[in-house]
Amino acid sequence: MFTRVVQFAGTKDIDGGVVFVRDTVTPVLRQQSGFRGVTASADRSAGVFGVLTIWATEANRDASESALLKVREEGAKIIGGEMTVEVYEEMVLEIVGPPREGASLLIRRISMDPAKIDENVDFFRETVLPQIKASPGFVAVRNMINRSTGDGVVGTVWADAASMDAAAEAARQRQGQAAGRVSFGDQSKREVLFVDLA
């Protein structure tokens, strides 16, 4: 699978953004070949709103860009703030239950040497993933990497905020395991506000 992440920082209307994604963006997405799902999440205190779309192939994702450009610009006027668009390949996906609106989402940005992506993903799958899945309240994890740049995002979904907070602390303590493999960037704690999985 392949993904596109559209993020707004310094938003003015998160709830309006959710309505726009649900009522305007999702119908357009569902008309696109290879569309597999969309989720929206936010950190209200930080004014951050993110939309993740999932695609069967890289070609499907890239072909959808022209159809989504106009609605994205419309959405930016409603949501406000600074918009960024990123594309990734989905490297690892584990779901024990479908993410639901109201669940908690922990996002950690990572970066690595592009030449070592497959090696590092294997390490994540074999060493880190079992620890994440064993944590109370675990719902899902998605590890996404841009093969060209080595930049990536690991998103984990939790049943509630308490489970997410405990997972964030466990992840902080676990970072030493990846020393020399991965550089860790910003962390974001969010609420899942919309889910539509095709």
Protein backbone atom coordinates (compact mmCIF):
# COMPACT_ATOMS: atom_id res chain seq x y z
CA MET A 1 0.00 0.00 0.00
CA PHE A 2 0.96 3.63 -0.48
CA THR A 3 -0.14 6.70 1.43
CA ARG A 4 -0.46 10.46 1.22
CA VAL A 5 -0.42 12.60 4.35
CA VAL A 6 -1.86 16.12 4.21
CA GLN A 7 -1.23 18.09 7.38
CA PHE A 8 -2.34 21.54 8.52
CA ALA A 9 -0.45 23.38 11.27
CA GLY A 10 -1.92 26.46 12.94
CA THR A 11 -5.48 25.51 12.04
CA LYS A 12 -8.50 27.73 12.66
CA ASP A 13 -11.38 25.23 12.23
CA ILE A 14 -10.68 21.56 12.95
CA ASP A 15 -14.35 20.57 13.23
CA GLY A 16 -15.07 22.27 9.92
CA GLY A 17 -12.19 20.27 8.48
CA VAL A 18 -13.70 17.01 9.67
CA VAL A 19 -17.05 17.86 8.04
CA PHE A 20 -15.28 18.84 4.82
CA VAL A 21 -13.30 15.58 4.72
CA ARG A 22 -16.43 13.54 5.40
CA ASP A 23 -18.87 15.31 3.07
CA THR A 24 -16.68 16.65 0.26
CA VAL A 25 -13.32 14.88 0.13
CA THR A 26 -14.41 11.29 0.78
CA PRO A 27 -16.91 11.13 -2.13
CA VAL A 28 -14.13 12.31 -4.47
CA LEU A 29 -11.70 9.78 -2.99
CA ARG A 30 -14.16 6.94 -3.51
CA GLN A 31 -14.27 7.72 -7.23
CA GLN A 32 -10.50 7.24 -7.55
CA SER A 33 -9.02 3.94 -8.70
CA GLY A 34 -7.17 2.07 -5.96
CA PHE A 35 -8.54 4.11 -3.05
CA ARG A 36 -8.41 2.05 0.16
CA GLY A 37 -9.28 4.44 2.98
CA VAL A 38 -9.04 7.82 4.66
CA THR A 39 -8.62 8.90 8.27
CA ALA A 40 -8.48 12.33 9.87
CA SER A 41 -6.93 13.17 13.22
CA ALA A 42 -6.08 16.25 15.25
CA ASP A 43 -4.16 17.63 18.17
CA ARG A 44 -6.55 20.40 19.14
CA SER A 45 -4.22 21.99 21.68
CA ALA A 46 -1.44 22.32 19.10
CA GLY A 47 -3.76 23.28 16.22
CA VAL A 48 -2.68 20.35 14.06
CA PHE A 49 -5.03 18.51 11.68
CA GLY A 50 -3.94 15.59 9.52
CA VAL A 51 -5.56 13.54 6.75
CA LEU A 52 -4.16 10.16 5.73
CA THR A 53 -5.27 8.53 2.47
CA ILE A 54 -4.39 4.94 1.58
CA TRP A 55 -3.88 3.60 -1.95
CA ALA A 56 -3.41 0.16 -3.48
CA THR A 57 -0.46 1.21 -5.63
CA GLU A 58 1.91 4.12 -6.04
CA ALA A 59 0.45 4.75 -9.50
CA ASN A 60 -3.10 4.94 -8.04
CA ARG A 61 -1.98 7.46 -5.44
CA ASP A 62 -0.13 9.62 -7.93
CA ALA A 63 -2.99 9.49 -10.47
CA SER A 64 -5.42 10.81 -7.83
CA GLU A 65 -3.39 13.98 -7.27
CA SER A 66 -5.03 16.07 -9.98
CA ALA A 67 -8.57 15.19 -8.82
CA LEU A 68 -7.75 16.06 -5.22
CA LEU A 69 -5.83 19.27 -5.80
CA LYS A 70 -8.93 21.45 -6.09
CA VAL A 71 -10.73 20.02 -3.03
CA ARG A 72 -7.49 20.25 -1.04
CA GLU A 73 -7.31 23.97 -1.82
CA GLU A 74 -10.95 24.36 -0.77
CA GLY A 75 -10.23 22.52 2.45
CA ALA A 76 -7.24 24.73 3.20
CA LYS A 77 -9.52 27.78 3.17
CA ILE A 78 -11.79 26.15 5.77
CA ILE A 79 -9.16 24.57 7.98
CA GLY A 80 -6.58 27.33 7.78
CA GLY A 81 -2.94 27.17 8.74
CA GLU A 82 0.07 25.96 6.83
CA MET A 83 -0.47 22.87 4.65
CA THR A 84 2.13 20.22 3.84
CA VAL A 85 1.74 17.15 1.61
CA GLU A 86 3.90 14.03 2.02
CA VAL A 87 3.91 10.64 0.29
CA TYR A 88 5.03 7.31 1.72
CA GLU A 89 5.15 3.59 1.13
CA GLU A 90 3.39 1.56 3.80
CA MET A 91 6.05 -0.82 5.14
CA VAL A 92 4.27 -2.42 8.12
CA LEU A 93 0.58 -2.59 9.02
CA GLU A 94 -0.89 -4.47 11.97
CA ILE A 95 -4.51 -4.05 13.06
CA VAL A 96 -6.19 -5.90 15.92
CA GLY A 97 -9.38 -3.88 15.57
CA PRO A 98 -10.47 -1.21 13.11
CA PRO A 99 -9.51 2.28 14.34
CA ARG A 100 -12.59 4.11 15.57
CA GLU A 101 -13.45 7.77 15.91
CA GLY A 102 -12.44 8.85 19.41
CA ALA A 103 -9.43 6.55 19.58
CA SER A 104 -6.01 8.02 20.38
CA LEU A 105 -3.24 8.27 17.79
CA LEU A 106 0.46 8.56 18.58
CA ILE A 107 2.63 9.75 15.69
CA ARG A 108 6.43 9.68 15.71
CA ARG A 109 8.48 11.07 12.83
CA ILE A 110 11.63 9.15 11.97
CA SER A 111 14.46 9.32 9.45
CA MET A 112 17.11 6.89 8.27
CA ASP A 113 19.65 6.16 5.55
CA PRO A 114 17.58 5.28 2.44
CA ALA A 115 20.02 2.46 1.69
CA LYS A 116 19.12 0.78 5.00
CA ILE A 117 15.32 1.03 4.85
CA ASP A 118 14.63 -2.68 4.28
CA GLU A 119 17.10 -3.69 7.00
CA ASN A 120 15.56 -1.23 9.47
CA VAL A 121 12.00 -2.26 8.62
CA ASP A 122 12.93 -5.89 9.28
CA PHE A 123 14.33 -4.83 12.66
CA PHE A 124 11.10 -2.94 13.41
CA ARG A 125 8.95 -5.90 12.41
CA GLU A 126 10.95 -8.47 14.36
CA THR A 127 11.98 -6.51 17.48
CA VAL A 128 9.82 -3.43 17.99
CA LEU A 129 6.44 -4.54 16.67
CA PRO A 130 5.95 -7.41 19.17
CA GLN A 131 6.58 -4.96 22.03
CA ILE A 132 4.06 -2.46 20.66
CA LYS A 133 1.41 -5.14 20.10
CA ALA A 134 1.86 -6.46 23.65
CA SER A 135 1.02 -3.07 25.16
CA PRO A 136 -2.43 -2.63 26.77
CA GLY A 137 -4.93 -0.79 24.60
CA PHE A 138 -3.15 -1.43 21.31
CA VAL A 139 -5.39 -1.11 18.24
CA ALA A 140 -3.15 -0.64 15.18
CA VAL A 141 0.27 0.39 13.90
CA ARG A 142 1.32 1.77 10.52
CA ASN A 143 4.99 2.26 9.58
CA MET A 144 5.42 4.45 6.48
CA ILE A 145 8.65 5.44 4.75
CA ASN A 146 9.60 7.59 1.79
CA ARG A 147 12.20 5.44 0.03
CA SER A 148 13.75 8.44 -1.73
CA THR A 149 14.46 10.49 1.38
CA GLY A 150 14.48 7.96 4.22
CA ASP A 151 11.93 10.07 6.11
CA GLY A 152 9.03 8.27 7.69
CA VAL A 153 6.19 8.17 10.17
CA VAL A 154 5.17 5.51 12.66
CA GLY A 155 1.56 5.87 13.76
CA THR A 156 0.04 3.77 16.53
CA VAL A 157 -3.63 3.78 17.46
CA TRP A 158 -4.72 3.20 21.06
CA ALA A 159 -8.06 2.56 22.71
CA ASP A 160 -7.78 5.67 24.90
CA ALA A 161 -5.48 8.50 25.91
CA ALA A 162 -4.11 6.67 28.95
CA SER A 163 -2.96 3.75 26.77
CA MET A 164 -1.40 6.21 24.31
CA ASP A 165 0.47 8.05 27.06
CA ALA A 166 1.85 4.78 28.44
CA ALA A 167 2.89 3.73 24.93
CA ALA A 168 4.64 7.07 24.37
CA GLU A 169 6.71 6.56 27.51
CA ALA A 170 7.52 2.98 26.54
CA ALA A 171 8.57 4.16 23.09
CA ARG A 172 10.85 6.79 24.61
CA GLN A 173 12.56 4.15 26.74
CA ARG A 174 12.84 1.85 23.71
CA GLN A 175 14.62 4.35 21.46
CA GLY A 176 18.02 3.07 22.51
CA GLN A 177 17.28 -0.21 20.70
CA ALA A 178 17.31 1.67 17.40
CA ALA A 179 20.47 3.67 18.14
CA GLY A 180 22.50 4.06 14.97
CA ARG A 181 19.61 2.90 12.82
CA VAL A 182 16.97 5.59 13.09
CA SER A 183 16.82 9.27 14.06
CA PHE A 184 13.69 10.27 15.95
CA GLY A 185 11.84 13.49 15.22
CA ASP A 186 8.70 15.15 16.53
CA GLN A 187 5.99 13.26 18.38
CA SER A 188 2.31 14.15 18.10
CA LYS A 189 -0.57 12.95 20.29
CA ARG A 190 -3.92 13.13 18.54
CA GLU A 191 -7.54 12.05 18.53
CA VAL A 192 -8.94 10.09 15.60
CA LEU A 193 -11.85 12.18 14.31
CA PHE A 194 -12.92 10.41 11.10
CA VAL A 195 -12.43 6.96 9.61
CA ASP A 196 -13.64 5.64 6.23
CA LEU A 197 -11.92 2.43 5.14
CA ALA A 198 -12.86 1.21 1.67
